[in-house]
PDB file of N, CA and C in Angstrom:
ATOM      1  N   MET A   1       3.284  27.658   1.125  1.00  0.00           N
ATOM      2  CA  MET A   1       2.409  26.633   1.772  1.00  0.00           C
ATOM      3  C   MET A   1       1.184  25.835   0.815  1.00  0.00           C
ATOM      4  N   ALA A   2       0.724  24.897   1.460  1.00  0.00           N
ATOM      5  CA  ALA A   2      -0.009  23.470   0.848  1.00  0.00           C
ATOM      6  C   ALA A   2      -1.646  23.416   1.569  1.00  0.00           C
ATOM      7  N   THR A   3      -2.500  23.401   0.284  1.00  0.00           N
ATOM      8  CA  THR A   3      -3.127  23.653   1.078  1.00  0.00           C
ATOM      9  C   THR A   3      -4.065  22.796   0.276  1.00  0.00           C
ATOM     10  N   VAL A   4      -5.571  22.000   0.962  1.00  0.00           N
ATOM     11  CA  VAL A   4      -6.406  20.966   0.164  1.00  0.00           C
ATOM     12  C   VAL A   4      -7.709  21.788  -0.383  1.00  0.00           C
ATOM     13  N   THR A   5      -7.324  21.335  -1.622  1.00  0.00           N
ATOM     14  CA  THR A   5      -8.498  22.082  -2.942  1.00  0.00           C
ATOM     15  C   THR A   5      -9.359  21.039  -2.893  1.00  0.00           C
ATOM     16  N   SER A   6     -10.291  21.888  -3.795  1.00  0.00           N
ATOM     17  CA  SER A   6     -11.500  20.953  -4.159  1.00  0.00           C
ATOM     18  C   SER A   6     -10.541  19.560  -5.385  1.00  0.00           C
ATOM     19  N   LEU A   7      -9.404  19.830  -6.182  1.00  0.00           N
ATOM     20  CA  LEU A   7      -8.989  18.508  -6.832  1.00  0.00           C
ATOM     21  C   LEU A   7      -9.027  17.773  -6.057  1.00  0.00           C
ATOM     22  N   MET A   8      -7.748  17.648  -5.146  1.00  0.00           N
ATOM     23  CA  MET A   8      -7.388  16.572  -4.137  1.00  0.00           C
ATOM     24  C   MET A   8      -9.126  16.158  -3.767  1.00  0.00           C
ATOM     25  N   TRP A   9      -9.986  16.334  -3.090  1.00  0.00           N
ATOM     26  CA  TRP A   9     -11.106  15.812  -3.178  1.00  0.00           C
ATOM     27  C   TRP A   9     -11.623  14.829  -3.812  1.00  0.00           C
ATOM     28  N   ARG A  10     -12.075  15.513  -5.140  1.00  0.00           N
ATOM     29  CA  ARG A  10     -12.407  14.540  -6.654  1.00  0.00           C
ATOM     30  C   ARG A  10     -10.883  13.679  -6.770  1.00  0.00           C
ATOM     31  N   SER A  11      -9.977  13.745  -6.946  1.00  0.00           N
ATOM     32  CA  SER A  11      -9.274  12.759  -6.739  1.00  0.00           C
ATOM     33  C   SER A  11      -9.527  11.367  -5.949  1.00  0.00           C
ATOM     34  N   LEU A  12      -9.667  12.283  -5.009  1.00  0.00           N
ATOM     35  CA  LEU A  12      -9.902  10.977  -3.511  1.00  0.00           C
ATOM     36  C   LEU A  12     -11.501   9.915  -4.017  1.00  0.00           C
ATOM     37  N   ASN A  13     -12.226  11.344  -4.388  1.00  0.00           N
ATOM     38  CA  ASN A  13     -13.418  10.533  -4.752  1.00  0.00           C
ATOM     39  C   ASN A  13     -13.475   9.161  -6.234  1.00  0.00           C
ATOM     40  N   THR A  14     -12.488   9.762  -7.198  1.00  0.00           N
ATOM     41  CA  THR A  14     -12.599   9.507  -8.482  1.00  0.00           C
ATOM     42  C   THR A  14     -11.656   8.030  -7.929  1.00  0.00           C
ATOM     43  N   PHE A  15     -10.355   7.978  -7.665  1.00  0.00           N
ATOM     44  CA  PHE A  15      -9.935   6.816  -7.041  1.00  0.00           C
ATOM     45  C   PHE A  15     -10.372   5.561  -5.867  1.00  0.00           C
ATOM     46  N   SER A  16     -11.571   6.465  -5.191  1.00  0.00           N
ATOM     47  CA  SER A  16     -12.256   5.487  -4.156  1.00  0.00           C
ATOM     48  C   SER A  16     -13.502   4.639  -5.283  1.00  0.00           C
ATOM     49  N   ARG A  17     -14.443   5.342  -6.093  1.00  0.00           N
ATOM     50  CA  ARG A  17     -14.949   4.743  -7.143  1.00  0.00           C
ATOM     51  C   ARG A  17     -14.769   3.334  -7.569  1.00  0.00           C
ATOM     52  N   GLY A  18     -13.221   3.808  -8.325  1.00  0.00           N
ATOM     53  CA  GLY A  18     -12.381   3.176  -9.777  1.00  0.00           C
ATOM     54  C   GLY A  18     -12.468   1.714  -8.783  1.00  0.00           C
ATOM     55  N   PHE A  19     -11.672   1.724  -7.346  1.00  0.00           N
ATOM     56  CA  PHE A  19     -11.288   0.899  -6.348  1.00  0.00           C
ATOM     57  C   PHE A  19     -12.535   0.141  -5.461  1.00  0.00           C
ATOM     58  N   ALA A  20     -13.483   0.767  -6.368  1.00  0.00           N
ATOM     59  CA  ALA A  20     -15.031   0.147  -5.351  1.00  0.00           C
ATOM     60  C   ALA A  20     -15.643  -1.396  -5.267  1.00  0.00           C
ATOM     61  N   LEU A  21     -14.761  -1.874  -6.433  1.00  0.00           N
ATOM     62  CA  LEU A  21     -14.811  -3.088  -6.692  1.00  0.00           C
ATOM     63  C   LEU A  21     -14.327  -4.224  -6.382  1.00  0.00           C
ATOM     64  N   LEU A  22     -12.806  -3.370  -5.374  1.00  0.00           N
ATOM     65  CA  LEU A  22     -12.033  -4.447  -4.636  1.00  0.00           C
ATOM     66  C   LEU A  22     -12.514  -4.805  -3.033  1.00  0.00           C
ATOM     67  N   PRO A  23     -11.615  -5.633  -2.868  1.00  0.00           N
ATOM     68  CA  PRO A  23     -12.143  -5.889  -1.304  1.00  0.00           C
ATOM     69  C   PRO A  23     -11.619  -5.057  -0.517  1.00  0.00           C
ATOM     70  N   PRO A  24     -11.943  -4.265   0.640  1.00  0.00           N
ATOM     71  CA  PRO A  24     -11.469  -3.389   1.558  1.00  0.00           C
ATOM     72  C   PRO A  24     -10.168  -3.381   1.904  1.00  0.00           C
ATOM     73  N   PHE A  25      -9.263  -2.245   1.622  1.00  0.00           N
ATOM     74  CA  PHE A  25      -7.983  -2.396   2.203  1.00  0.00           C
ATOM     75  C   PHE A  25      -8.358  -1.681   4.089  1.00  0.00           C
ATOM     76  N   PRO A  26      -6.641  -1.671   4.250  1.00  0.00           N
ATOM     77  CA  PRO A  26      -7.298  -1.383   5.968  1.00  0.00           C
ATOM     78  C   PRO A  26      -7.269   0.291   5.848  1.00  0.00           C
ATOM     79  N   LEU A  27      -6.846   1.034   4.925  1.00  0.00           N
ATOM     80  CA  LEU A  27      -7.152   2.694   5.337  1.00  0.00           C
ATOM     81  C   LEU A  27      -8.526   2.804   4.165  1.00  0.00           C
ATOM     82  N   GLU A  28      -9.277   2.974   3.652  1.00  0.00           N
ATOM     83  CA  GLU A  28     -10.278   3.519   3.122  1.00  0.00           C
ATOM     84  C   GLU A  28     -11.205   4.607   2.790  1.00  0.00           C
ATOM     85  N   TRP A  29     -11.142   5.229   1.943  1.00  0.00           N
ATOM     86  CA  TRP A  29     -11.585   6.520   1.613  1.00  0.00           C
ATOM     87  C   TRP A  29     -13.335   6.536   1.729  1.00  0.00           C
ATOM     88  N   ASP A  30     -13.997   7.043   2.356  1.00  0.00           N
ATOM     89  CA  ASP A  30     -15.383   7.053   2.249  1.00  0.00           C
ATOM     90  C   ASP A  30     -15.979   8.555   1.707  1.00  0.00           C
ATOM     91  N   ILE A  31     -16.682   8.231   0.447  1.00  0.00           N
ATOM     92  CA  ILE A  31     -16.888   9.832  -0.565  1.00  0.00           C
ATOM     93  C   ILE A  31     -17.727  10.347   0.425  1.00  0.00           C
ATOM     94  N   SER A  32     -19.659   9.801   0.862  1.00  0.00           N
ATOM     95  CA  SER A  32     -19.892  10.529   1.352  1.00  0.00           C
ATOM     96  C   SER A  32     -19.822  11.103   2.859  1.00  0.00           C
ATOM     97  N   LYS A  33     -19.088  11.085   3.730  1.00  0.00           N
ATOM     98  CA  LYS A  33     -18.443  11.827   4.708  1.00  0.00           C
ATOM     99  C   LYS A  33     -17.279  12.237   4.268  1.00  0.00           C
ATOM    100  N   ASN A  34     -16.704  11.909   3.169  1.00  0.00           N
ATOM    101  CA  ASN A  34     -15.059  13.013   3.268  1.00  0.00           C
ATOM    102  C   ASN A  34     -14.250  13.012   3.780  1.00  0.00           C
ATOM    103  N   ARG A  35     -13.768  11.336   4.496  1.00  0.00           N
ATOM    104  CA  ARG A  35     -13.112  10.891   5.589  1.00  0.00           C
ATOM    105  C   ARG A  35     -12.530  10.096   5.467  1.00  0.00           C
ATOM    106  N   PHE A  36     -11.128   9.111   5.590  1.00  0.00           N
ATOM    107  CA  PHE A  36     -10.954   8.133   5.885  1.00  0.00           C
ATOM    108  C   PHE A  36     -11.525   7.085   7.013  1.00  0.00           C
ATOM    109  N   ILE A  37     -11.165   6.128   6.247  1.00  0.00           N
ATOM    110  CA  ILE A  37     -12.239   5.023   7.431  1.00  0.00           C
ATOM    111  C   ILE A  37     -11.136   3.827   7.872  1.00  0.00           C
ATOM    112  N   PRO A  38     -11.199   4.028   8.488  1.00  0.00           N
ATOM    113  CA  PRO A  38      -9.940   2.419   9.182  1.00  0.00           C
ATOM    114  C   PRO A  38     -10.964   1.067   9.453  1.00  0.00           C
ATOM    115  N   TYR A  39     -10.663   0.092   8.888  1.00  0.00           N
ATOM    116  CA  TYR A  39     -11.250  -1.608   9.098  1.00  0.00           C
ATOM    117  C   TYR A  39      -9.933  -2.303   9.254  1.00  0.00           C
ATOM    118  N   THR A  40     -10.361  -2.690  10.472  1.00  0.00           N
ATOM    119  CA  THR A  40      -9.612  -4.201  11.650  1.00  0.00           C
ATOM    120  C   THR A  40     -10.026  -4.973  11.600  1.00  0.00           C
ATOM    121  N   ASN A  41     -11.202  -5.376  11.307  1.00  0.00           N
ATOM    122  CA  ASN A  41     -11.754  -6.533  11.471  1.00  0.00           C
ATOM    123  C   ASN A  41     -11.294  -6.892   9.916  1.00  0.00           C
ATOM    124  N   SER A  42     -11.040  -8.692  10.964  1.00  0.00           N
ATOM    125  CA  SER A  42      -9.766  -9.618   9.890  1.00  0.00           C
ATOM    126  C   SER A  42     -10.795 -10.390   8.871  1.00  0.00           C
ATOM    127  N   LYS A  43     -12.255 -10.605   8.989  1.00  0.00           N
ATOM    128  CA  LYS A  43     -12.718 -11.065   8.027  1.00  0.00           C
ATOM    129  C   LYS A  43     -13.210 -10.543   6.930  1.00  0.00           C
ATOM    130  N   SER A  44     -13.400  -8.873   6.799  1.00  0.00           N
ATOM    131  CA  SER A  44     -13.239  -8.134   5.727  1.00  0.00           C
ATOM    132  C   SER A  44     -11.960  -7.445   4.850  1.00  0.00           C
ATOM    133  N   LEU A  45     -10.156  -7.871   5.830  1.00  0.00           N
ATOM    134  CA  LEU A  45      -9.335  -8.055   5.619  1.00  0.00           C
ATOM    135  C   LEU A  45      -8.717  -9.335   5.071  1.00  0.00           C
ATOM    136  N   PHE A  46      -9.421 -10.119   4.705  1.00  0.00           N
ATOM    137  CA  PHE A  46      -9.173 -11.920   4.091  1.00  0.00           C
ATOM    138  C   PHE A  46      -8.251 -11.550   2.886  1.00  0.00           C
ATOM    139  N   PHE A  47      -9.183 -11.099   1.977  1.00  0.00           N
ATOM    140  CA  PHE A  47      -8.129 -10.861   0.433  1.00  0.00           C
ATOM    141  C   PHE A  47      -6.839  -9.912   0.528  1.00  0.00           C
ATOM    142  N   TRP A  48      -6.899  -8.859   1.585  1.00  0.00           N
ATOM    143  CA  TRP A  48      -6.176  -7.667   1.203  1.00  0.00           C
ATOM    144  C   TRP A  48      -4.851  -8.695   2.431  1.00  0.00           C
ATOM    145  N   LYS A  49      -5.178  -9.396   3.440  1.00  0.00           N
ATOM    146  CA  LYS A  49      -3.915 -10.556   4.198  1.00  0.00           C
ATOM    147  C   LYS A  49      -3.568 -11.280   2.642  1.00  0.00           C
ATOM    148  N   VAL A  50      -4.381 -11.358   1.971  1.00  0.00           N
ATOM    149  CA  VAL A  50      -3.827 -13.035   0.854  1.00  0.00           C
ATOM    150  C   VAL A  50      -2.881 -11.888   0.119  1.00  0.00           C
ATOM    151  N   LEU A  51      -3.302 -10.716  -0.713  1.00  0.00           N
ATOM    152  CA  LEU A  51      -2.359 -10.284  -1.421  1.00  0.00           C
ATOM    153  C   LEU A  51      -1.062  -9.689  -0.736  1.00  0.00           C
ATOM    154  N   MET A  52      -1.256  -9.658   0.194  1.00  0.00           N
ATOM    155  CA  MET A  52       0.023  -9.320   1.126  1.00  0.00           C
ATOM    156  C   MET A  52       1.292 -10.212   0.982  1.00  0.00           C
ATOM    157  N   LEU A  53       0.421 -11.710   1.553  1.00  0.00           N
ATOM    158  CA  LEU A  53       1.059 -13.138   1.599  1.00  0.00           C
ATOM    159  C   LEU A  53       1.482 -13.789   0.381  1.00  0.00           C
ATOM    160  N   CYS A  54       0.822 -13.310  -0.939  1.00  0.00           N
ATOM    161  CA  CYS A  54       1.548 -13.551  -1.915  1.00  0.00           C
ATOM    162  C   CYS A  54       2.674 -12.331  -2.612  1.00  0.00           C
ATOM    163  N   LEU A  55       2.879 -11.116  -1.678  1.00  0.00           N
ATOM    164  CA  LEU A  55       3.831 -10.214  -2.555  1.00  0.00           C
ATOM    165  C   LEU A  55       4.838 -10.727  -1.531  1.00  0.00           C
ATOM    166  N   PHE A  56       4.542 -11.036  -0.333  1.00  0.00           N
ATOM    167  CA  PHE A  56       5.691 -11.805   0.765  1.00  0.00           C
ATOM    168  C   PHE A  56       6.144 -13.076   0.304  1.00  0.00           C
ATOM    169  N   LEU A  57       5.662 -14.081  -0.978  1.00  0.00           N
ATOM    170  CA  LEU A  57       6.087 -15.018  -1.058  1.00  0.00           C
ATOM    171  C   LEU A  57       6.711 -14.612  -2.475  1.00  0.00           C
ATOM    172  N   SER A  58       5.975 -13.826  -3.316  1.00  0.00           N
ATOM    173  CA  SER A  58       7.223 -13.447  -4.424  1.00  0.00           C
ATOM    174  C   SER A  58       8.233 -12.727  -4.319  1.00  0.00           C
ATOM    175  N   ASN A  59       8.341 -11.886  -2.935  1.00  0.00           N
ATOM    176  CA  ASN A  59       9.992 -11.473  -2.786  1.00  0.00           C
ATOM    177  C   ASN A  59      10.678 -12.994  -1.608  1.00  0.00           C
ATOM    178  N   ILE A  60       9.892 -13.755  -1.656  1.00  0.00           N
ATOM    179  CA  ILE A  60      10.957 -14.923  -1.273  1.00  0.00           C
ATOM    180  C   ILE A  60      11.352 -15.840  -2.649  1.00  0.00           C
ATOM    181  N   VAL A  61      10.515 -15.666  -3.517  1.00  0.00           N
ATOM    182  CA  VAL A  61      11.578 -16.560  -4.592  1.00  0.00           C
ATOM    183  C   VAL A  61      12.484 -15.312  -4.986  1.00  0.00           C
ATOM    184  N   TYR A  62      12.649 -14.057  -5.167  1.00  0.00           N
ATOM    185  CA  TYR A  62      13.738 -13.362  -5.829  1.00  0.00           C
ATOM    186  C   TYR A  62      15.169 -14.097  -4.267  1.00  0.00           C
ATOM    187  N   VAL A  63      15.055 -14.145  -3.445  1.00  0.00           N
ATOM    188  CA  VAL A  63      15.746 -14.536  -2.841  1.00  0.00           C
ATOM    189  C   VAL A  63      16.170 -15.831  -3.127  1.00  0.00           C
ATOM    190  N   ILE A  64      15.352 -16.811  -3.100  1.00  0.00           N
ATOM    191  CA  ILE A  64      15.865 -17.694  -3.534  1.00  0.00           C
ATOM    192  C   ILE A  64      16.651 -18.026  -4.789  1.00  0.00           C
ATOM    193  N   LEU A  65      16.807 -17.318  -6.159  1.00  0.00           N
ATOM    194  CA  LEU A  65      17.250 -16.365  -7.289  1.00  0.00           C
ATOM    195  C   LEU A  65      18.684 -15.872  -7.057  1.00  0.00           C
ATOM    196  N   PHE A  66      18.281 -14.897  -6.241  1.00  0.00           N
ATOM    197  CA  PHE A  66      19.703 -14.323  -5.413  1.00  0.00           C
ATOM    198  C   PHE A  66      20.944 -15.329  -5.082  1.00  0.00           C
ATOM    199  N   LEU A  67      20.605 -16.586  -4.066  1.00  0.00           N
ATOM    200  CA  LEU A  67      20.965 -17.467  -3.430  1.00  0.00           C
ATOM    201  C   LEU A  67      21.295 -18.031  -4.648  1.00  0.00           C
ATOM    202  N   ALA A  68      20.832 -18.895  -5.776  1.00  0.00           N
ATOM    203  CA  ALA A  68      20.749 -19.777  -6.492  1.00  0.00           C
ATOM    204  C   ALA A  68      22.172 -18.921  -6.816  1.00  0.00           C
ATOM    205  N   ALA A  69      21.857 -18.041  -7.558  1.00  0.00           N
ATOM    206  CA  ALA A  69      23.334 -17.369  -8.462  1.00  0.00           C
ATOM    207  C   ALA A  69      24.665 -17.056  -7.682  1.00  0.00           C
ATOM    208  N   ILE A  70      24.561 -16.437  -6.119  1.00  0.00           N
ATOM    209  CA  ILE A  70      25.672 -17.027  -5.318  1.00  0.00           C
ATOM    210  C   ILE A  70      25.997 -18.351  -5.424  1.00  0.00           C
ATOM    211  N   LEU A  71      24.784 -19.486  -5.256  1.00  0.00           N
ATOM    212  CA  LEU A  71      25.687 -20.639  -4.939  1.00  0.00           C
ATOM    213  C   LEU A  71      25.931 -21.394  -6.001  1.00  0.00           C
ATOM    214  N   GLY A  72      25.681 -20.603  -7.419  1.00  0.00           N
ATOM    215  CA  GLY A  72      26.515 -20.810  -8.822  1.00  0.00           C
ATOM    216  C   GLY A  72      25.399 -21.960  -9.197  1.00  0.00           C
ATOM    217  N   THR A  73      24.226 -22.208  -8.438  1.00  0.00           N
ATOM    218  CA  THR A  73      23.348 -23.183  -9.303  1.00  0.00           C
ATOM    219  C   THR A  73      22.479 -22.790 -10.226  1.00  0.00           C
ATOM    220  N   ALA A  74      22.175 -21.121 -10.573  1.00  0.00           N
ATOM    221  CA  ALA A  74      21.844 -20.429 -11.367  1.00  0.00           C
ATOM    222  C   ALA A  74      22.799 -19.601 -12.123  1.00  0.00           C
ATOM    223  N   THR A  75      22.962 -19.149 -13.267  1.00  0.00           N
ATOM    224  CA  THR A  75      23.207 -18.507 -13.955  1.00  0.00           C
ATOM    225  C   THR A  75      22.779 -16.835 -14.353  1.00  0.00           C
ATOM    226  N   MET A  76      22.970 -15.471 -14.193  1.00  0.00           N
ATOM    227  CA  MET A  76      22.180 -14.525 -13.951  1.00  0.00           C
ATOM    228  C   MET A  76      23.217 -13.179 -14.665  1.00  0.00           C
ATOM    229  N   THR A  77      22.637 -12.977 -15.840  1.00  0.00           N
ATOM    230  CA  THR A  77      23.618 -11.878 -15.974  1.00  0.00           C
ATOM    231  C   THR A  77      23.299 -10.327 -15.453  1.00  0.00           C
ATOM    232  N   LEU A  78      24.449  -9.292 -15.166  1.00  0.00           N
ATOM    233  CA  LEU A  78      24.464  -7.899 -14.618  1.00  0.00           C
ATOM    234  C   LEU A  78      22.937  -7.878 -14.445  1.00  0.00           C
ATOM    235  N   LEU A  79      22.196  -7.348 -15.762  1.00  0.00           N
ATOM    236  CA  LEU A  79      21.264  -7.145 -16.073  1.00  0.00           C
ATOM    237  C   LEU A  79      20.106  -7.349 -15.551  1.00  0.00           C
ATOM    238  N   GLU A  80      20.064  -8.963 -15.377  1.00  0.00           N
ATOM    239  CA  GLU A  80      19.032  -9.965 -14.826  1.00  0.00           C
ATOM    240  C   GLU A  80      18.681  -9.476 -13.158  1.00  0.00           C
ATOM    241  N   VAL A  81      20.411  -9.392 -12.873  1.00  0.00           N
ATOM    242  CA  VAL A  81      20.308  -9.633 -11.672  1.00  0.00           C
ATOM    243  C   VAL A  81      19.822  -7.889 -10.602  1.00  0.00           C
ATOM    244  N   MET A  82      20.254  -6.933 -11.699  1.00  0.00           N
ATOM    245  CA  MET A  82      19.709  -5.680 -11.484  1.00  0.00           C
ATOM    246  C   MET A  82      18.832  -4.817 -11.024  1.00  0.00           C
ATOM    247  N   ILE A  83      17.135  -5.603 -12.334  1.00  0.00           N
ATOM    248  CA  ILE A  83      16.325  -6.018 -12.612  1.00  0.00           C
ATOM    249  C   ILE A  83      15.540  -7.080 -11.127  1.00  0.00           C
ATOM    250  N   SER A  84      16.276  -7.954 -10.826  1.00  0.00           N
ATOM    251  CA  SER A  84      15.546  -8.443  -9.473  1.00  0.00           C
ATOM    252  C   SER A  84      15.805  -7.770  -8.248  1.00  0.00           C
ATOM    253  N   CYS A  85      16.827  -6.847  -8.339  1.00  0.00           N
ATOM    254  CA  CYS A  85      17.249  -6.658  -7.255  1.00  0.00           C
ATOM    255  C   CYS A  85      16.322  -5.292  -7.024  1.00  0.00           C
ATOM    256  N   LEU A  86      16.296  -4.738  -8.293  1.00  0.00           N
ATOM    257  CA  LEU A  86      15.528  -3.427  -8.310  1.00  0.00           C
ATOM    258  C   LEU A  86      13.289  -4.177  -7.573  1.00  0.00           C
ATOM    259  N   PHE A  87      13.173  -5.010  -8.797  1.00  0.00           N
ATOM    260  CA  PHE A  87      11.769  -5.626  -8.027  1.00  0.00           C
ATOM    261  C   PHE A  87      12.074  -6.129  -6.118  1.00  0.00           C
ATOM    262  N   PHE A  88      12.545  -6.509  -5.907  1.00  0.00           N
ATOM    263  CA  PHE A  88      12.932  -6.916  -4.926  1.00  0.00           C
ATOM    264  C   PHE A  88      12.391  -5.517  -3.940  1.00  0.00           C
ATOM    265  N   SER A  89      13.482  -5.065  -4.202  1.00  0.00           N
ATOM    266  CA  SER A  89      13.212  -3.525  -3.176  1.00  0.00           C
ATOM    267  C   SER A  89      11.726  -3.206  -3.068  1.00  0.00           C
ATOM    268  N   ILE A  90      11.258  -3.065  -4.584  1.00  0.00           N
ATOM    269  CA  ILE A  90       9.893  -2.627  -4.477  1.00  0.00           C
ATOM    270  C   ILE A  90       8.919  -3.090  -3.563  1.00  0.00           C
ATOM    271  N   GLY A  91       9.047  -4.630  -3.284  1.00  0.00           N
ATOM    272  CA  GLY A  91       8.466  -5.307  -3.182  1.00  0.00           C
ATOM    273  C   GLY A  91       8.326  -5.379  -1.972  1.00  0.00           C
ATOM    274  N   VAL A  92       9.501  -5.558  -1.448  1.00  0.00           N
ATOM    275  CA  VAL A  92       9.945  -5.181   0.080  1.00  0.00           C
ATOM    276  C   VAL A  92       9.008  -3.789   0.744  1.00  0.00           C
ATOM    277  N   PHE A  93       9.980  -2.857   0.344  1.00  0.00           N
ATOM    278  CA  PHE A  93       9.115  -1.830   0.486  1.00  0.00           C
ATOM    279  C   PHE A  93       7.395  -1.090   0.583  1.00  0.00           C
ATOM    280  N   ALA A  94       6.667  -2.237  -0.487  1.00  0.00           N
ATOM    281  CA  ALA A  94       5.550  -2.302  -0.343  1.00  0.00           C
ATOM    282  C   ALA A  94       4.990  -2.754   0.371  1.00  0.00           C
ATOM    283  N   ASN A  95       5.509  -4.091   0.651  1.00  0.00           N
ATOM    284  CA  ASN A  95       5.673  -4.775   1.931  1.00  0.00           C
ATOM    285  C   ASN A  95       5.421  -4.126   3.412  1.00  0.00           C
ATOM    286  N   LEU A  96       6.399  -3.213   3.091  1.00  0.00           N
ATOM    287  CA  LEU A  96       6.652  -2.274   4.850  1.00  0.00           C
ATOM    288  C   LEU A  96       5.993  -1.655   5.203  1.00  0.00           C
ATOM    289  N   VAL A  97       5.654  -1.162   4.125  1.00  0.00           N
ATOM    290  CA  VAL A  97       4.360   0.141   4.181  1.00  0.00           C
ATOM    291  C   VAL A  97       2.927  -0.092   4.243  1.00  0.00           C
ATOM    292  N   GLU A  98       2.834  -1.290   4.004  1.00  0.00           N
ATOM    293  CA  GLU A  98       1.559  -2.002   4.163  1.00  0.00           C
ATOM    294  C   GLU A  98       1.104  -2.646   5.628  1.00  0.00           C
ATOM    295  N   ILE A  99       2.472  -3.041   6.119  1.00  0.00           N
ATOM    296  CA  ILE A  99       2.600  -3.360   7.785  1.00  0.00           C
ATOM    297  C   ILE A  99       2.079  -2.265   8.217  1.00  0.00           C
ATOM    298  N   VAL A 100       3.164  -1.138   8.262  1.00  0.00           N
ATOM    299  CA  VAL A 100       3.542   0.342   9.103  1.00  0.00           C
ATOM    300  C   VAL A 100       1.620   0.568   9.396  1.00  0.00           C
ATOM    301  N   ILE A 101       1.142   0.664   7.732  1.00  0.00           N
ATOM    302  CA  ILE A 101      -0.285   1.343   7.954  1.00  0.00           C
ATOM    303  C   ILE A 101      -1.377   0.321   8.675  1.00  0.00           C
ATOM    304  N   PHE A 102      -1.285  -0.842   8.179  1.00  0.00           N
ATOM    305  CA  PHE A 102      -2.109  -1.671   9.290  1.00  0.00           C
ATOM    306  C   PHE A 102      -1.644  -1.883  10.527  1.00  0.00           C
ATOM    307  N   MET A 103      -0.871  -1.597  10.891  1.00  0.00           N
ATOM    308  CA  MET A 103      -0.474  -1.871  12.302  1.00  0.00           C
ATOM    309  C   MET A 103      -0.754  -0.427  13.160  1.00  0.00           C
ATOM    310  N   HIS A 104      -0.562   0.624  12.168  1.00  0.00           N
ATOM    311  CA  HIS A 104      -1.466   2.079  12.907  1.00  0.00           C
ATOM    312  C   HIS A 104      -2.330   2.594  11.989  1.00  0.00           C
ATOM    313  N   VAL A 105      -3.222   1.759  11.313  1.00  0.00           N
ATOM    314  CA  VAL A 105      -4.424   2.361  10.956  1.00  0.00           C
ATOM    315  C   VAL A 105      -5.480   3.374  11.538  1.00  0.00           C
ATOM    316  N   GLY A 106      -5.588   3.180  12.696  1.00  0.00           N
ATOM    317  CA  GLY A 106      -6.538   4.157  13.919  1.00  0.00           C
ATOM    318  C   GLY A 106      -5.985   5.433  13.667  1.00  0.00           C
ATOM    319  N   ASN A 107      -4.428   5.647  13.830  1.00  0.00           N
ATOM    320  CA  ASN A 107      -4.052   6.778  13.834  1.00  0.00           C
ATOM    321  C   ASN A 107      -3.892   7.488  12.628  1.00  0.00           C
ATOM    322  N   THR A 108      -3.555   6.673  11.323  1.00  0.00           N
ATOM    323  CA  THR A 108      -3.217   6.948  10.060  1.00  0.00           C
ATOM    324  C   THR A 108      -4.575   7.925  10.048  1.00  0.00           C
ATOM    325  N   ALA A 109      -5.723   6.845  10.397  1.00  0.00           N
ATOM    326  CA  ALA A 109      -6.933   7.471   9.726  1.00  0.00           C
ATOM    327  C   ALA A 109      -7.590   8.606  10.193  1.00  0.00           C
ATOM    328  N   GLN A 110      -7.211   8.767  12.062  1.00  0.00           N
ATOM    329  CA  GLN A 110      -7.123  10.073  12.086  1.00  0.00           C
ATOM    330  C   GLN A 110      -6.400  11.154  12.150  1.00  0.00           C
ATOM    331  N   ALA A 111      -5.549  11.305  11.453  1.00  0.00           N
ATOM    332  CA  ALA A 111      -4.576  12.434  10.848  1.00  0.00           C
ATOM    333  C   ALA A 111      -4.542  12.793   9.981  1.00  0.00           C
ATOM    334  N   PHE A 112      -5.005  12.101   8.878  1.00  0.00           N
ATOM    335  CA  PHE A 112      -5.595  12.481   8.066  1.00  0.00           C
ATOM    336  C   PHE A 112      -7.101  13.119   7.597  1.00  0.00           C
ATOM    337  N   ASN A 113      -7.971  12.644   8.500  1.00  0.00           N
ATOM    338  CA  ASN A 113      -8.881  13.259   8.472  1.00  0.00           C
ATOM    339  C   ASN A 113      -8.347  14.428   9.750  1.00  0.00           C
ATOM    340  N   CYS A 114      -7.869  14.704  10.652  1.00  0.00           N
ATOM    341  CA  CYS A 114      -7.771  15.695  10.857  1.00  0.00           C
ATOM    342  C   CYS A 114      -7.071  17.321  10.002  1.00  0.00           C
ATOM    343  N   VAL A 115      -5.805  16.390   9.193  1.00  0.00           N
ATOM    344  CA  VAL A 115      -5.521  17.310   7.875  1.00  0.00           C
ATOM    345  C   VAL A 115      -6.128  17.532   7.422  1.00  0.00           C
ATOM    346  N   ALA A 116      -7.762  17.186   6.601  1.00  0.00           N
ATOM    347  CA  ALA A 116      -8.773  17.459   5.984  1.00  0.00           C
ATOM    348  C   ALA A 116      -9.224  18.388   6.954  1.00  0.00           C
ATOM    349  N   ILE A 117      -9.995  18.339   8.223  1.00  0.00           N
ATOM    350  CA  ILE A 117     -10.771  19.081   8.808  1.00  0.00           C
ATOM    351  C   ILE A 117      -9.874  20.355   8.177  1.00  0.00           C
ATOM    352  N   PHE A 118      -8.197  20.591   9.302  1.00  0.00           N
ATOM    353  CA  PHE A 118      -7.435  21.769   8.895  1.00  0.00           C
ATOM    354  C   PHE A 118      -7.418  22.553   7.591  1.00  0.00           C
ATOM    355  N   GLY A 119      -7.908  21.557   5.995  1.00  0.00           N
ATOM    356  CA  GLY A 119      -7.824  22.216   5.060  1.00  0.00           C
ATOM    357  C   GLY A 119      -8.872  23.245   4.972  1.00  0.00           C
ATOM    358  N   LYS A 120     -10.175  21.707   5.398  1.00  0.00           N
ATOM    359  CA  LYS A 120     -11.783  22.783   5.118  1.00  0.00           C
ATOM    360  C   LYS A 120     -11.883  24.327   6.272  1.00  0.00           C
ATOM    361  N   ALA A 121     -10.986  24.126   7.342  1.00  0.00           N
ATOM    362  CA  ALA A 121     -11.272  24.946   8.065  1.00  0.00           C
ATOM    363  C   ALA A 121     -10.520  26.471   7.716  1.00  0.00           C
ATOM    364  N   ASN A 122      -9.102  26.063   6.816  1.00  0.00           N
ATOM    365  CA  ASN A 122      -8.455  27.143   6.012  1.00  0.00           C
ATOM    366  C   ASN A 122      -8.896  27.868   4.718  1.00  0.00           C
ATOM    367  N   GLN A 123     -10.296  26.885   4.147  1.00  0.00           N
ATOM    368  CA  GLN A 123     -10.859  27.650   3.048  1.00  0.00           C
ATOM    369  C   GLN A 123     -11.835  28.655   2.840  1.00  0.00           C
TER     370      GLN A 123
END
């Protein structure tokens, strides 16, 4: 059975302190309250949206590379195609995860906070 240990709380605190200088993301860890805080304000998430746009545009570059290779206007070795497929799939997966978290940020924060409460109650 998995339990919430003090090491998990320290790792979340260290992660939050390490990324404190970055702009807010939709789901942030609050050290003082030991809980996740959902951000839905468009103004505070501007830089996050810019990062998601850059990730989306980089995925479009991979699609253009694949189309150029298929149409014969660009030559790519098998290794280059495999590496491009790997980076493309990682980028698409990261984009999808971020979009799903953004769409359900309130429920996600509430679910993680409930798990944290149950973990503290079981200790």
